Protein backbone atom coordinates (compact mmCIF):
# COMPACT_ATOMS: atom_id res chain seq x y z
CA UNK A 1 -0.17 0.20 0.13
CA UNK A 2 2.86 2.49 0.33
CA UNK A 3 6.55 2.68 0.03
CA UNK A 4 9.11 4.74 2.09
CA UNK A 5 11.58 6.49 -0.33
CA UNK A 6 12.62 4.46 -3.51
CA UNK A 7 11.55 0.99 -4.48
CA UNK A 8 15.17 -0.43 -3.85
CA UNK A 9 18.39 0.79 -1.92
CA UNK A 10 17.14 2.44 0.83
CA UNK A 11 14.79 1.66 4.41
CA UNK A 12 12.18 -0.79 3.08
CA UNK A 13 8.23 -0.04 3.32
CA UNK A 14 5.60 -2.69 2.07
CA UNK A 15 6.86 -3.04 -1.32
CA UNK A 16 10.59 -3.07 -1.37
CA UNK A 17 11.32 -6.45 -0.60
CA UNK A 18 8.82 -7.64 -3.29
CA UNK A 19 10.39 -5.55 -5.70
CA UNK A 20 13.88 -6.65 -5.39
CA UNK A 21 12.81 -10.15 -5.68
CA UNK A 22 10.78 -9.87 -8.58
CA UNK A 23 10.98 -6.64 -10.58
CA UNK A 24 14.53 -5.48 -10.36
CA UNK A 25 15.12 -3.99 -13.86
CA UNK A 26 11.39 -4.21 -15.01
CA UNK A 27 10.25 -1.58 -16.83
CA UNK A 28 7.36 0.40 -15.23
CA UNK A 29 3.98 0.38 -16.80
CA UNK A 30 2.00 3.30 -16.34
CA UNK A 31 -1.68 2.92 -15.56
CA UNK A 32 -4.03 6.01 -16.04
CA UNK A 33 -6.17 6.13 -12.65
CA UNK A 34 -3.52 4.08 -10.32
CA UNK A 35 -1.28 5.81 -7.77
CA UNK A 36 1.87 4.12 -9.18
CA UNK A 37 2.89 1.99 -12.21
CA UNK A 38 2.68 -1.78 -12.30
CA UNK A 39 5.87 -3.83 -12.68
CA UNK A 40 5.63 -7.34 -14.50
CA UNK A 41 8.73 -9.81 -14.88
CA UNK A 42 8.72 -12.75 -17.44
CA UNK A 43 7.01 -15.27 -15.24
CA UNK A 44 3.84 -13.06 -15.25
CA UNK A 45 4.25 -12.04 -11.54
CA UNK A 46 3.18 -8.19 -11.40
CA UNK A 47 2.94 -5.64 -8.58
CA UNK A 48 2.29 -2.09 -7.70
CA UNK A 49 1.78 0.31 -4.82
CA UNK A 50 -1.79 0.97 -4.63
CA UNK A 51 -1.92 3.45 -1.89
CA UNK A 52 -3.25 3.98 1.66
CA UNK A 53 -6.85 3.70 2.73
CA UNK A 54 -9.93 1.92 1.03
CA UNK A 55 -10.55 4.70 -1.63
CA UNK A 56 -7.15 5.17 -2.70
CA UNK A 57 -6.28 1.70 -3.07
CA UNK A 58 -9.37 0.36 -4.47
CA UNK A 59 -9.31 3.07 -7.31
CA UNK A 60 -5.83 2.04 -8.05
CA UNK A 61 -7.05 -1.73 -8.30
CA UNK A 62 -9.92 -0.84 -10.51
CA UNK A 63 -7.76 0.92 -12.95
CA UNK A 64 -5.21 -1.75 -13.00
CA UNK A 65 -7.93 -4.40 -13.38
CA UNK A 66 -9.55 -2.59 -16.31
CA UNK A 67 -6.34 -1.50 -18.09
CA UNK A 68 -6.05 -3.22 -21.60
CA UNK A 69 -2.20 -3.91 -21.11
CA UNK A 70 -3.08 -6.94 -18.73
CA UNK A 71 -5.39 -10.11 -18.93
CA UNK A 72 -5.77 -10.88 -14.96
CA UNK A 73 -8.77 -13.35 -15.85
CA UNK A 74 -6.58 -16.33 -14.30
CA UNK A 75 -4.57 -14.28 -11.93
CA UNK A 76 -3.98 -14.81 -8.28
CA UNK A 77 -3.81 -11.88 -6.04
CA UNK A 78 -1.85 -11.36 -2.87
CA UNK A 79 -2.83 -8.03 -0.99
CA UNK A 80 0.32 -7.31 1.13
CA UNK A 81 1.06 -5.10 3.83
CA UNK A 82 1.82 -4.00 7.42
CA UNK A 83 -0.88 -3.90 10.08
CA UNK A 84 -1.92 -3.93 13.89
CA UNK A 85 -3.24 -7.06 16.18
CA UNK A 86 -4.76 -7.24 19.45
CA UNK A 87 -2.23 -8.29 22.25
CA UNK A 88 -4.42 -11.15 22.90
CA UNK A 89 -4.34 -12.53 19.57
CA UNK A 90 -1.03 -11.67 17.96
CA UNK A 91 2.52 -10.33 18.29
CA UNK A 92 4.95 -7.76 16.85
CA UNK A 93 6.56 -9.26 13.59
CA UNK A 94 3.90 -12.17 12.84
CA UNK A 95 2.34 -12.88 9.79
CA UNK A 96 -1.32 -13.45 9.18
CA UNK A 97 -3.07 -14.72 6.11
CA UNK A 98 -6.74 -13.57 6.20
CA UNK A 99 -9.50 -16.25 6.39
CA UNK A 100 -12.23 -13.43 6.23
CA UNK A 101 -12.04 -9.68 5.33
CA UNK A 102 -14.33 -7.64 7.20
CA UNK A 103 -15.48 -3.96 6.50
CA UNK A 104 -15.11 -2.12 9.83
CA UNK A 105 -17.00 1.15 8.84
CA UNK A 106 -20.08 0.22 7.16
CA UNK A 107 -22.73 0.53 9.80
CA UNK A 108 -24.23 2.83 12.49
CA UNK A 109 -21.84 4.23 15.52
CA UNK A 110 -22.65 6.24 18.34
CA UNK A 111 -20.78 7.59 21.55
CA UNK A 112 -20.69 5.38 24.59
CA UNK A 113 -22.17 7.78 26.62
CA UNK A 114 -25.44 7.77 24.65
CA UNK A 115 -26.07 3.89 25.15
CA UNK A 116 -26.45 1.59 28.28
CA UNK A 117 -23.24 0.87 29.78
CA UNK A 118 -21.18 -2.12 28.19
CA UNK A 119 -23.81 -2.27 25.36
CA UNK A 120 -22.43 -2.33 21.82
CA UNK A 121 -22.11 1.06 20.10
CA UNK A 122 -22.22 -0.29 16.48
CA UNK A 123 -25.03 -1.69 14.44
CA UNK A 124 -24.96 -2.95 10.78
CA UNK A 125 -26.40 -1.28 8.09
CA UNK A 126 -28.85 -3.10 6.29
CA UNK A 127 -28.28 -3.44 2.52
CA UNK A 128 -24.56 -3.55 2.55
CA UNK A 129 -24.52 -7.31 3.19
CA UNK A 130 -22.38 -8.00 0.14
CA UNK A 131 -20.15 -5.33 0.71
CA UNK A 132 -18.98 -5.72 4.56
CA UNK A 133 -17.29 -9.19 4.38
CA UNK A 134 -15.65 -11.64 2.25
CA UNK A 135 -14.72 -15.40 3.11
CA UNK A 136 -11.44 -16.08 1.57
CA UNK A 137 -11.35 -19.38 -0.42
CA UNK A 138 -10.62 -21.96 2.48
CA UNK A 139 -8.41 -24.16 0.18
CA UNK A 140 -6.29 -21.26 -0.80
CA UNK A 141 -5.68 -20.34 2.97
CA UNK A 142 -4.89 -23.99 3.45
CA UNK A 143 -2.48 -24.01 0.59
CA UNK A 144 -0.91 -20.77 1.71
CA UNK A 145 -0.47 -22.27 5.52
CA UNK A 146 0.84 -25.18 4.13
CA UNK A 147 3.47 -23.67 1.92
CA UNK A 148 4.23 -20.85 4.46
CA UNK A 149 3.83 -22.00 7.90
CA UNK A 150 7.36 -23.14 8.67
CA UNK A 151 9.16 -19.92 7.32
CA UNK A 152 11.92 -18.77 9.41
CA UNK A 153 10.98 -15.35 10.57
CA UNK A 154 13.18 -12.36 11.35
CA UNK A 155 12.95 -10.68 14.92
CA UNK A 156 14.47 -7.82 16.76
CA UNK A 157 15.81 -7.35 20.16
CA UNK A 158 13.50 -4.07 20.64
CA UNK A 159 10.60 -6.13 19.57
CA UNK A 160 11.59 -8.58 22.15
CA UNK A 161 11.79 -6.07 25.04
CA UNK A 162 8.59 -4.30 23.65
CA UNK A 163 6.50 -7.49 23.98
CA UNK A 164 7.20 -7.84 27.59
CA UNK A 165 5.03 -4.66 28.36
CA UNK A 166 2.19 -6.97 27.62
CA UNK A 167 0.88 -9.66 30.10
CA UNK A 168 -0.86 -11.53 27.27
CA UNK A 169 0.90 -14.77 26.36
CA UNK A 170 0.02 -14.09 22.53
CA UNK A 171 1.39 -10.99 22.83
CA UNK A 172 4.92 -12.10 23.95
CA UNK A 173 5.32 -14.93 21.40
CA UNK A 174 8.04 -14.97 18.80
CA UNK A 175 7.19 -14.00 15.35
CA UNK A 176 4.84 -16.87 13.49
CA UNK A 177 2.37 -17.48 10.82
CA UNK A 178 -1.17 -17.39 11.61
CA UNK A 179 -4.68 -16.81 10.26
CA UNK A 180 -7.76 -15.19 11.24
CA UNK A 181 -10.23 -12.30 10.54
CA UNK A 182 -8.59 -9.01 8.66
CA UNK A 183 -10.75 -6.09 9.84
CA UNK A 184 -10.33 -3.04 7.16
CA UNK A 185 -11.07 0.50 8.49
CA UNK A 186 -10.37 3.95 7.20
CA UNK A 187 -10.52 4.63 10.89
CA UNK A 188 -7.20 4.02 12.65
CA UNK A 189 -9.45 2.65 15.35
CA UNK A 190 -7.22 1.86 18.68
CA UNK A 191 -7.60 1.16 22.29
CA UNK A 192 -9.12 -1.94 24.14
CA UNK A 193 -12.83 -0.56 23.66
CA UNK A 194 -12.41 -0.40 20.02
CA UNK A 195 -10.55 -3.47 19.76
CA UNK A 196 -13.28 -5.25 21.58
CA UNK A 197 -15.83 -3.57 18.99
CA UNK A 198 -13.90 -5.00 16.07
CA UNK A 199 -14.12 -8.47 17.87
CA UNK A 200 -17.95 -8.02 18.16
CA UNK A 201 -18.19 -7.13 14.44
CA UNK A 202 -16.26 -9.89 13.59
CA UNK A 203 -18.60 -12.53 15.53
CA UNK A 204 -21.57 -10.58 14.46
CA UNK A 205 -20.92 -11.20 10.80
CA UNK A 206 -19.77 -15.01 11.45
CA UNK A 207 -16.37 -14.51 10.74
CA UNK A 208 -13.43 -16.02 12.62
CA UNK A 209 -11.62 -13.87 15.44
CA UNK A 210 -10.53 -10.66 15.02
CA UNK A 211 -6.73 -10.77 14.59
CA UNK A 212 -5.46 -8.12 12.20
CA UNK A 213 -6.33 -4.33 11.69
CA UNK A 214 -5.65 -2.91 8.58
CA UNK A 215 -7.10 -0.22 5.91
CA UNK A 216 -7.55 -1.72 2.39
CA UNK A 217 -8.00 -5.35 1.99
CA UNK A 218 -11.88 -5.48 1.98
CA UNK A 219 -12.39 -2.44 -0.57
CA UNK A 220 -9.47 -4.10 -2.96
CA UNK A 221 -11.23 -7.40 -2.64
CA UNK A 222 -14.62 -6.10 -3.64
CA UNK A 223 -13.22 -4.45 -6.73
CA UNK A 224 -11.71 -7.97 -7.76
CA UNK A 225 -14.95 -9.68 -6.86
CA UNK A 226 -16.84 -7.48 -9.41
CA UNK A 227 -14.31 -8.28 -12.21
CA UNK A 228 -12.76 -11.99 -11.60
CA UNK A 229 -14.56 -13.16 -8.38
CA UNK A 230 -12.94 -13.67 -4.99
CA UNK A 231 -11.59 -17.48 -5.42
CA UNK A 232 -7.93 -16.38 -6.00
CA UNK A 233 -7.40 -13.70 -3.48
CA UNK A 234 -5.21 -13.88 -0.61
CA UNK A 235 -4.55 -11.24 2.28
CA UNK A 236 -1.35 -11.30 3.69
CA UNK A 237 -0.39 -8.82 6.55
CA UNK A 238 2.41 -8.50 9.11
CA UNK A 239 1.87 -6.96 12.48
CA UNK A 240 4.06 -3.98 13.52
CA UNK A 241 1.91 -2.74 16.15
CA UNK A 242 -0.52 -3.77 18.81
CA UNK A 243 -3.95 -2.04 18.54
CA UNK A 244 -4.06 -0.77 21.86
CA UNK A 245 -1.44 0.08 24.67
CA UNK A 246 0.22 -1.83 27.47
CA UNK A 247 -1.87 -1.54 30.90
CA UNK A 248 0.53 1.03 32.19
CA UNK A 249 -0.31 3.56 29.44
CA UNK A 250 -3.07 5.32 28.12
CA UNK A 251 -4.47 4.92 24.48
CA UNK A 252 -3.25 8.19 23.62
CA UNK A 253 0.17 7.84 25.05
CA UNK A 254 0.39 4.42 22.76
CA UNK A 255 -1.03 6.47 19.91
CA UNK A 256 1.77 8.96 20.25
CA UNK A 257 4.74 7.57 21.87
CA UNK A 258 7.60 9.05 23.17
CA UNK A 259 11.08 9.02 21.12
CA UNK A 260 12.57 5.37 21.65
CA UNK A 261 9.26 4.00 22.87
CA UNK A 262 7.87 2.77 19.72
CA UNK A 263 7.28 -1.21 19.38
CA UNK A 264 10.46 -1.69 17.15
CA UNK A 265 10.45 -4.71 14.60
CA UNK A 266 9.18 -2.89 11.31
CA UNK A 267 11.92 -3.79 9.27
CA UNK A 268 12.15 -7.44 10.38
CA UNK A 269 8.28 -7.62 9.74
CA UNK A 270 8.20 -6.14 6.21
CA UNK A 271 10.89 -8.75 5.45
CA UNK A 272 8.74 -11.13 7.13
CA UNK A 273 5.84 -10.62 4.94
CA UNK A 274 7.88 -11.36 1.82
CA UNK A 275 9.66 -14.24 2.99
CA UNK A 276 6.12 -15.78 3.89
CA UNK A 277 4.05 -14.38 0.65
CA UNK A 278 7.00 -15.43 -1.92
CA UNK A 279 6.69 -18.89 -0.71
CA UNK A 280 3.29 -19.25 -2.28
CA UNK A 281 3.87 -17.00 -5.21
CA UNK A 282 6.86 -19.03 -6.23
CA UNK A 283 4.79 -22.52 -5.74
CA UNK A 284 1.93 -21.10 -8.17
CA UNK A 285 4.31 -20.05 -10.76
CA UNK A 286 6.42 -23.25 -10.77
CA UNK A 287 3.33 -25.45 -10.67
CA UNK A 288 1.26 -23.24 -13.13
CA UNK A 289 -0.28 -26.33 -14.92
CA UNK A 290 -1.93 -27.43 -11.75
CA UNK A 291 -3.04 -24.06 -10.57
CA UNK A 292 -4.26 -22.29 -13.59
CA UNK A 293 -7.84 -23.75 -13.86
CA UNK A 294 -7.98 -23.19 -10.28
CA UNK A 295 -6.98 -23.57 -6.52
CA UNK A 296 -6.11 -27.25 -6.44
CA UNK A 297 -7.60 -29.43 -3.91
CA UNK A 298 -5.44 -30.03 -0.64
């Protein structure tokens, strides 16, 4: 969704490790309406930076999908980026394959003080049933985990120290590859109350546990659904922050940390995402005759 500086040779954002693996030397292909050019290699693996947020990223995706330079009718998609995670479910540096994508924003919300204490302050908006959640192809998720679950992941001393601020066993884990619901919201929701609401929405919609907060995947998937369907869509995220502060800090303190108080592990996480995702990409490319017609049964 974003890159820091250049596509290669400097501090890596979400795109750089992918670019250096697949598109070094590839000619940028301009696409009217997209934020950044598309790059493709000789194996038919393509990539682009789409932009942050639902409108930014989905408009780029639609422009790319409809551009006559490309034929994506048999393509597989990896929506890739960094994310947050609740400390009760994940840890800094982990990488997660989505089983469900849920839109956090489509609905009615009101202030807690305008409700009975402890009751939900969210209600789904009727008529948006086809837009607010997407179940990722279970066979494809199964393949992704089979191919990548044992990927050796990077970690950092700063991330290891930071995790100890949280009492949750999940938060203190070393980085791992997992699955669960990814919650897409333009609002950078934060704090234990908002995290609890995200889990409430996931369960309300019949999805798996909420494990990842991000800002694009459900919107991008809706665009893909309208052109080629969702059977070949994957969402891959790496956690670079917790969605709430530790018990010893307020939500605002966690949102605006003092120098030296950030989570750490960003560089390692963006590398982990590519290490995990490339295993699936390379397997599909290498075994294209088996994958061309659709996801093979496990």
